[in-house]
Amino acid sequence: MVTFTRFCRFYANILKYIVAILVPVLIITVAYQIIARHVSFIPRFLWTEEICRFALNWLVMLGSALAVRNNDHFDIDLLAKAKPRTKEIRFWVVNIIILIAALFFAVYGWGFAASGLRRRSLAAGLSMVWVYSSFAVFGVSSLVFQLEKILQHFAKGNAPPQEQEFS
């Protein structure tokens, strides 16, 4: 259990670094596009628009996977003052729904990524597998992080889960 949690922490840190790289890529390419539209001597490249879309796609998918791990994205605590049994039921309902969605993204994401092998982006000429695979990566990452949450839940002896941020 400790080793799996350590792996998840390491993997989440890798995803955080990738997200930290994607944010400035997105900002720089969008800023370049804006400046190039208003300054006549700066060339307008079509590939910057594609890079913006690709970076945004990866940013959303990796950020969503990290949000699954941190319990920030999908879990809305409507029953804050509920009984422990109600919190337990809520924990399982929410986490099973997230597991189903993650499984959907993982399974169908691989087929979607494979379809990207036959396609290329128009301006940059990149294989679309690099973009389409973000959905599968999100699904697998979410499955791993959900498994970590469920294992931690069992390790605590089925106590109602405490809202916590993973680092």
Protein backbone atom coordinates (compact mmCIF):
# COMPACT_ATOMS: atom_id res chain seq x y z
CA MET A 1 0.00 0.00 0.00
CA VAL A 2 2.78 2.42 0.92
CA THR A 3 4.63 1.63 -2.30
CA PHE A 4 1.52 2.21 -4.40
CA THR A 5 0.85 5.54 -2.66
CA ARG A 6 4.47 6.52 -3.22
CA PHE A 7 4.12 5.60 -6.91
CA CYS A 8 0.93 7.67 -7.18
CA ARG A 9 2.63 10.65 -5.54
CA PHE A 10 5.57 10.33 -7.94
CA TYR A 11 3.25 9.99 -10.95
CA ALA A 12 1.15 12.98 -9.82
CA ASN A 13 4.33 15.05 -9.50
CA ILE A 14 5.29 14.14 -13.06
CA LEU A 15 1.84 15.23 -14.24
CA LYS A 16 2.20 18.50 -12.28
CA TYR A 17 5.50 19.24 -14.02
CA ILE A 18 3.98 18.53 -17.42
CA VAL A 19 1.07 20.84 -16.62
CA ALA A 20 3.55 23.47 -15.41
CA ILE A 21 5.28 23.27 -18.80
CA LEU A 22 2.03 23.33 -20.80
CA VAL A 23 0.73 26.52 -19.18
CA PRO A 24 3.57 28.76 -20.44
CA VAL A 25 3.47 27.03 -23.84
CA LEU A 26 -0.19 27.94 -24.09
CA ILE A 27 0.36 31.49 -22.86
CA ILE A 28 3.31 32.13 -25.18
CA THR A 29 1.62 30.78 -28.30
CA VAL A 30 -1.61 32.68 -27.63
CA ALA A 31 0.33 35.87 -26.89
CA TYR A 32 2.29 35.40 -30.12
CA GLN A 33 -0.93 34.99 -32.08
CA ILE A 34 -2.41 38.14 -30.59
CA ILE A 35 0.71 40.20 -31.17
CA ALA A 36 1.13 38.86 -34.73
CA ARG A 37 -2.41 39.95 -35.59
CA HIS A 38 -1.75 43.52 -34.53
CA VAL A 39 1.90 44.00 -35.54
CA SER A 40 2.35 43.86 -39.29
CA PHE A 41 6.03 42.85 -39.46
CA ILE A 42 5.61 39.72 -37.28
CA PRO A 43 4.76 36.67 -39.42
CA ARG A 44 1.54 34.80 -38.70
CA PHE A 45 2.10 31.09 -38.42
CA LEU A 46 -0.79 28.66 -38.66
CA TRP A 47 0.90 26.04 -36.51
CA THR A 48 0.59 28.25 -33.40
CA GLU A 49 -3.17 27.78 -33.42
CA GLU A 50 -2.78 24.01 -33.49
CA ILE A 51 -0.18 24.07 -30.73
CA CYS A 52 -2.60 26.13 -28.61
CA ARG A 53 -5.38 23.60 -29.11
CA PHE A 54 -3.08 20.64 -28.44
CA ALA A 55 -1.64 22.23 -25.28
CA LEU A 56 -5.11 23.14 -24.02
CA ASN A 57 -6.36 19.61 -24.63
CA TRP A 58 -3.49 18.05 -22.67
CA LEU A 59 -3.76 20.71 -19.98
CA VAL A 60 -7.45 19.94 -19.42
CA MET A 61 -6.97 16.16 -19.41
CA LEU A 62 -3.92 16.10 -17.12
CA GLY A 63 -5.41 18.75 -14.84
CA SER A 64 -8.61 16.72 -14.58
CA ALA A 65 -6.64 13.61 -13.65
CA LEU A 66 -4.84 15.56 -10.92
CA ALA A 67 -8.19 16.93 -9.75
CA VAL A 68 -9.49 13.35 -9.46
CA ARG A 69 -6.55 12.54 -7.21
CA ASN A 70 -7.07 15.64 -5.06
CA ASN A 71 -10.84 15.14 -4.88
CA ASP A 72 -11.25 18.66 -6.30
CA HIS A 73 -13.09 18.14 -9.52
CA PHE A 74 -15.92 15.65 -9.35
CA ASP A 75 -16.91 15.41 -5.72
CA ILE A 76 -19.29 18.05 -4.42
CA ASP A 77 -20.01 17.65 -0.74
CA LEU A 78 -23.74 18.33 -0.50
CA LEU A 79 -24.06 16.28 2.65
CA ALA A 80 -21.46 18.00 4.82
CA LYS A 81 -23.30 17.35 8.10
CA ALA A 82 -24.56 13.90 7.20
CA LYS A 83 -24.32 10.80 9.34
CA PRO A 84 -21.26 8.57 8.89
CA ARG A 85 -23.34 5.92 7.09
CA THR A 86 -24.62 8.53 4.60
CA LYS A 87 -21.05 9.76 4.03
CA GLU A 88 -19.96 6.18 3.39
CA ILE A 89 -22.71 5.70 0.81
CA ARG A 90 -21.83 9.03 -0.80
CA PHE A 91 -18.15 8.01 -0.95
CA TRP A 92 -18.97 4.81 -2.80
CA VAL A 93 -21.54 6.35 -5.16
CA VAL A 94 -19.20 9.19 -6.17
CA ASN A 95 -16.16 6.96 -6.53
CA ILE A 96 -17.98 4.29 -8.53
CA ILE A 97 -19.26 6.96 -10.92
CA ILE A 98 -15.72 8.32 -11.31
CA LEU A 99 -14.39 4.77 -11.85
CA ILE A 100 -16.97 4.14 -14.58
CA ALA A 101 -16.13 7.43 -16.32
CA ALA A 102 -12.39 6.76 -16.03
CA LEU A 103 -12.84 3.24 -17.39
CA PHE A 104 -14.83 4.67 -20.30
CA PHE A 105 -12.03 7.14 -21.10
CA ALA A 106 -9.35 4.47 -20.73
CA VAL A 107 -11.04 1.87 -22.93
CA TYR A 108 -12.41 4.11 -25.65
CA GLY A 109 -9.46 6.50 -25.43
CA TRP A 110 -7.08 3.85 -26.77
CA GLY A 111 -9.26 3.32 -29.83
CA PHE A 112 -9.52 7.06 -30.32
CA ALA A 113 -5.73 7.40 -30.04
CA ALA A 114 -5.28 4.61 -32.57
CA SER A 115 -7.47 6.52 -35.01
CA GLY A 116 -5.02 9.39 -34.66
CA LEU A 117 -2.29 7.24 -36.19
CA ARG A 118 -4.00 7.68 -39.57
CA ARG A 119 -4.41 11.46 -39.27
CA ARG A 120 -2.07 14.42 -39.35
CA SER A 121 -2.67 18.00 -38.27
CA LEU A 122 -2.96 20.37 -41.19
CA ALA A 123 -0.56 23.17 -40.28
CA ALA A 124 2.04 21.52 -38.04
CA GLY A 125 1.94 18.10 -39.70
CA LEU A 126 1.97 16.31 -36.34
CA SER A 127 0.43 12.89 -35.96
CA MET A 128 -2.91 13.31 -34.22
CA VAL A 129 -2.12 10.36 -31.97
CA TRP A 130 -0.21 12.85 -29.78
CA VAL A 131 -3.42 14.77 -29.18
CA TYR A 132 -5.93 11.94 -29.17
CA SER A 133 -3.95 9.90 -26.64
CA SER A 134 -4.63 12.52 -23.95
CA PHE A 135 -8.06 10.97 -23.36
CA ALA A 136 -6.60 7.52 -22.73
CA VAL A 137 -3.91 8.97 -20.46
CA PHE A 138 -6.62 10.77 -18.50
CA GLY A 139 -8.61 7.53 -18.15
CA VAL A 140 -5.66 5.43 -17.00
CA SER A 141 -4.42 8.15 -14.65
CA SER A 142 -7.87 8.56 -13.12
CA LEU A 143 -8.19 4.79 -12.65
CA VAL A 144 -4.84 4.70 -10.85
CA PHE A 145 -5.74 7.64 -8.61
CA GLN A 146 -9.20 6.20 -7.87
CA LEU A 147 -7.64 2.88 -6.94
CA GLU A 148 -5.34 4.75 -4.57
CA LYS A 149 -8.31 6.49 -2.91
CA ILE A 150 -10.23 3.23 -2.51
CA LEU A 151 -7.22 1.40 -1.08
CA GLN A 152 -6.65 4.24 1.38
CA HIS A 153 -10.32 4.06 2.32
CA PHE A 154 -10.00 0.36 3.13
CA ALA A 155 -6.72 0.96 4.98
CA LYS A 156 -8.54 3.41 7.27
CA GLY A 157 -11.00 0.67 8.20
CA ASN A 158 -13.92 2.03 6.18
CA ALA A 159 -13.98 5.23 8.23
CA PRO A 160 -15.75 8.08 6.49
CA PRO A 161 -13.24 9.69 4.15
CA GLN A 162 -11.66 12.91 5.26
CA GLU A 163 -11.27 15.63 2.64
CA GLN A 164 -7.56 15.94 2.14
CA GLU A 165 -5.15 17.21 -0.43
CA PHE A 166 -2.58 14.80 -1.74
CA SER A 167 0.86 16.23 -2.26
